[in-house]
Amino acid sequence: MNKKRQVIIISIVIVVIASISIYIEFIMKPQNLSMNSGKVSPFAVYFHSNLSILMDGKPIEVPSQIGIDYNLWNDHSLDKFGFPGMPMDEEGKTTMPGMAPLYTTNDKGRITVGSIIERDYTLGEFLRIWNELDLKDKLVKATVNGNVVNNYTNIKLEDGQQIKLYLQTKK
């Protein structure tokens, strides 16, 4: 009787393990794959505008990490629309900093608009986040995709646009 009982218990354990394996293989894995492969963006708005700046005819570099590096992130009034920081390890010892909704990831003048809500953003808002471009005693002219714009601070940032600022020292 003991041997028969052992065979039944072993058979039940094998059936349970097989059932769990089948469930994981055919039910759980496909759900995880479809969930992760969609690459859902955390942003409601995400695109790039391009900014080039000339000061008295010479190019000015728009640095990488504006709106990411706290040394290049001077106005925090739009922080609630950016990407919040998050822990990078289980203990919470290392934290990835958040980002402003307007930021740069290279020094080529590419402005990334990455906002968790849908709203328009302007060049003026980007320049306030950066706040390192000295415009005092400067004459400022601007073009968007080659067309002259009167008020550079109100330029609405849009995907793929080419913004050029021409700064000239007042004499």
Protein backbone atom coordinates (compact mmCIF):
# COMPACT_ATOMS: atom_id res chain seq x y z
CA MET A 1 0.00 0.00 0.00
CA ASN A 2 2.85 2.38 0.79
CA LYS A 3 4.43 1.85 -2.61
CA LYS A 4 1.10 2.54 -4.37
CA ARG A 5 0.65 5.70 -2.30
CA GLN A 6 4.15 6.92 -3.21
CA VAL A 7 3.47 6.35 -6.91
CA ILE A 8 0.23 8.36 -6.67
CA ILE A 9 1.95 11.25 -4.84
CA ILE A 10 4.84 11.29 -7.30
CA SER A 11 2.36 11.23 -10.20
CA ILE A 12 0.42 14.17 -8.75
CA VAL A 13 3.65 16.17 -8.23
CA ILE A 14 4.70 15.48 -11.85
CA VAL A 15 1.27 16.57 -13.16
CA VAL A 16 1.38 19.78 -11.07
CA ILE A 17 4.92 20.65 -12.23
CA ALA A 18 3.99 19.91 -15.85
CA SER A 19 0.84 22.05 -15.54
CA ILE A 20 2.79 24.97 -14.08
CA SER A 21 5.43 24.67 -16.83
CA ILE A 22 2.77 24.61 -19.55
CA TYR A 23 1.00 27.60 -17.98
CA ILE A 24 4.22 29.62 -17.85
CA GLU A 25 5.28 28.66 -21.37
CA PHE A 26 1.98 29.22 -23.16
CA ILE A 27 0.14 31.76 -21.02
CA MET A 28 2.61 33.92 -19.11
CA LYS A 29 5.45 34.32 -21.65
CA PRO A 30 3.26 35.52 -24.55
CA GLN A 31 1.66 38.16 -22.29
CA ASN A 32 5.05 39.44 -21.14
CA LEU A 33 6.40 39.52 -24.68
CA SER A 34 3.47 41.47 -26.03
CA MET A 35 3.59 43.85 -23.09
CA ASN A 36 7.32 44.60 -23.40
CA SER A 37 7.76 44.49 -27.16
CA GLY A 38 5.33 47.37 -27.68
CA LYS A 39 7.89 49.80 -26.21
CA VAL A 40 5.26 52.05 -24.68
CA SER A 41 6.66 55.54 -24.22
CA PRO A 42 6.20 57.30 -20.89
CA PHE A 43 5.79 60.55 -22.84
CA ALA A 44 2.53 62.03 -24.10
CA VAL A 45 4.60 64.30 -26.38
CA TYR A 46 7.98 63.32 -27.80
CA PHE A 47 9.83 64.95 -30.72
CA HIS A 48 12.94 66.94 -31.67
CA SER A 49 13.55 70.51 -32.81
CA ASN A 50 16.94 71.80 -33.92
CA LEU A 51 18.55 75.00 -32.69
CA SER A 52 21.64 76.73 -34.02
CA ILE A 53 22.99 79.98 -32.61
CA LEU A 54 25.40 82.47 -34.17
CA MET A 55 26.94 85.23 -32.06
CA ASP A 56 28.43 87.98 -34.20
CA GLY A 57 28.68 85.41 -37.00
CA LYS A 58 30.39 82.72 -34.89
CA PRO A 59 28.62 79.52 -33.82
CA ILE A 60 27.67 79.07 -30.17
CA GLU A 61 27.47 75.48 -28.91
CA VAL A 62 24.18 74.35 -27.39
CA PRO A 63 25.54 71.96 -24.76
CA SER A 64 24.43 68.40 -24.15
CA GLN A 65 22.48 67.68 -20.95
CA ILE A 66 20.48 70.91 -20.71
CA GLY A 67 17.45 70.01 -18.58
CA ILE A 68 19.18 66.84 -17.31
CA ASP A 69 22.41 67.98 -15.62
CA TYR A 70 21.54 70.28 -12.70
CA ASN A 71 24.36 72.63 -13.73
CA LEU A 72 22.51 73.17 -17.02
CA TRP A 73 18.98 73.11 -15.57
CA ASN A 74 18.30 76.52 -14.11
CA ASP A 75 14.52 77.02 -14.34
CA HIS A 76 12.42 74.32 -12.69
CA SER A 77 8.97 75.78 -13.33
CA LEU A 78 8.15 73.04 -15.90
CA ASP A 79 9.55 70.09 -13.91
CA LYS A 80 6.10 68.64 -13.24
CA PHE A 81 5.74 68.01 -17.00
CA GLY A 82 9.12 66.27 -17.39
CA PHE A 83 10.19 62.73 -16.65
CA PRO A 84 10.52 62.07 -12.90
CA GLY A 85 13.65 60.50 -11.43
CA MET A 86 13.55 56.85 -10.42
CA PRO A 87 15.65 54.34 -8.49
CA MET A 88 18.14 52.34 -10.53
CA ASP A 89 18.65 49.59 -7.95
CA GLU A 90 16.42 47.66 -5.59
CA GLU A 91 17.87 49.30 -2.49
CA GLY A 92 17.18 52.81 -3.80
CA LYS A 93 20.82 53.82 -3.31
CA THR A 94 21.32 54.91 -6.91
CA THR A 95 18.75 57.21 -8.46
CA MET A 96 18.44 58.25 -12.09
CA PRO A 97 17.74 61.97 -12.09
CA GLY A 98 14.59 63.26 -13.71
CA MET A 99 14.53 65.40 -16.83
CA ALA A 100 12.87 68.67 -17.71
CA PRO A 101 10.31 68.37 -20.52
CA LEU A 102 12.80 70.23 -22.74
CA TYR A 103 16.33 68.85 -22.79
CA THR A 104 19.38 68.09 -24.94
CA THR A 105 21.30 64.84 -25.25
CA ASN A 106 24.01 66.04 -27.64
CA ASP A 107 25.91 69.24 -28.38
CA LYS A 108 24.49 69.59 -31.90
CA GLY A 109 21.53 71.79 -30.89
CA ARG A 110 18.90 69.06 -30.94
CA ILE A 111 16.19 69.94 -28.42
CA THR A 112 14.14 66.99 -27.24
CA VAL A 113 10.58 67.67 -26.16
CA GLY A 114 9.61 64.82 -23.84
CA SER A 115 6.53 65.71 -21.82
CA ILE A 116 4.26 63.51 -19.75
CA ILE A 117 1.31 65.75 -20.71
CA GLU A 118 0.20 67.17 -24.05
CA ARG A 119 0.95 70.86 -24.25
CA ASP A 120 2.85 73.26 -26.47
CA TYR A 121 6.38 74.33 -25.55
CA THR A 122 8.30 77.38 -26.75
CA LEU A 123 11.91 78.29 -27.43
CA GLY A 124 11.64 80.85 -24.62
CA GLU A 125 10.84 78.06 -22.15
CA PHE A 126 13.87 76.08 -23.34
CA LEU A 127 16.11 79.13 -23.02
CA ARG A 128 14.85 79.71 -19.44
CA ILE A 129 15.68 76.10 -18.50
CA TRP A 130 19.18 76.56 -19.90
CA ASN A 131 19.54 80.19 -18.72
CA GLU A 132 23.18 80.38 -19.82
CA LEU A 133 22.72 82.27 -23.08
CA ASP A 134 23.54 85.93 -22.35
CA LEU A 135 21.16 88.03 -24.40
CA LYS A 136 21.80 91.33 -22.60
CA ASP A 137 22.84 94.09 -24.98
CA LYS A 138 22.27 91.76 -27.95
CA LEU A 139 20.17 92.24 -31.04
CA VAL A 140 18.35 88.92 -31.63
CA LYS A 141 16.98 87.81 -34.97
CA ALA A 142 15.39 84.41 -35.54
CA THR A 143 14.30 82.14 -38.37
CA VAL A 144 12.27 78.94 -38.35
CA ASN A 145 12.85 76.74 -41.38
CA GLY A 146 14.31 79.79 -43.13
CA ASN A 147 11.35 82.10 -42.39
CA VAL A 148 11.93 85.23 -40.29
CA VAL A 149 10.17 85.23 -36.90
CA ASN A 150 9.59 88.43 -34.95
CA ASN A 151 9.44 87.11 -31.36
CA TYR A 152 11.94 84.31 -30.85
CA THR A 153 10.73 83.49 -27.32
CA ASN A 154 7.26 82.58 -28.62
CA ILE A 155 8.51 80.11 -31.25
CA LYS A 156 6.41 76.99 -30.72
CA LEU A 157 8.69 73.95 -30.80
CA GLU A 158 7.66 71.40 -33.45
CA ASP A 159 9.06 68.15 -34.75
CA GLY A 160 11.94 68.52 -37.20
CA GLN A 161 11.96 72.30 -37.35
CA GLN A 162 15.20 74.23 -37.83
CA ILE A 163 15.47 77.25 -35.54
CA LYS A 164 18.32 79.71 -36.02
CA LEU A 165 19.13 82.54 -33.65
CA TYR A 166 21.37 85.33 -34.90
CA LEU A 167 22.82 87.34 -32.02
CA GLN A 168 24.65 90.56 -32.59
CA THR A 169 26.37 92.70 -29.98
CA LYS A 170 24.78 96.16 -29.86
CA LYS A 171 27.28 98.89 -30.65
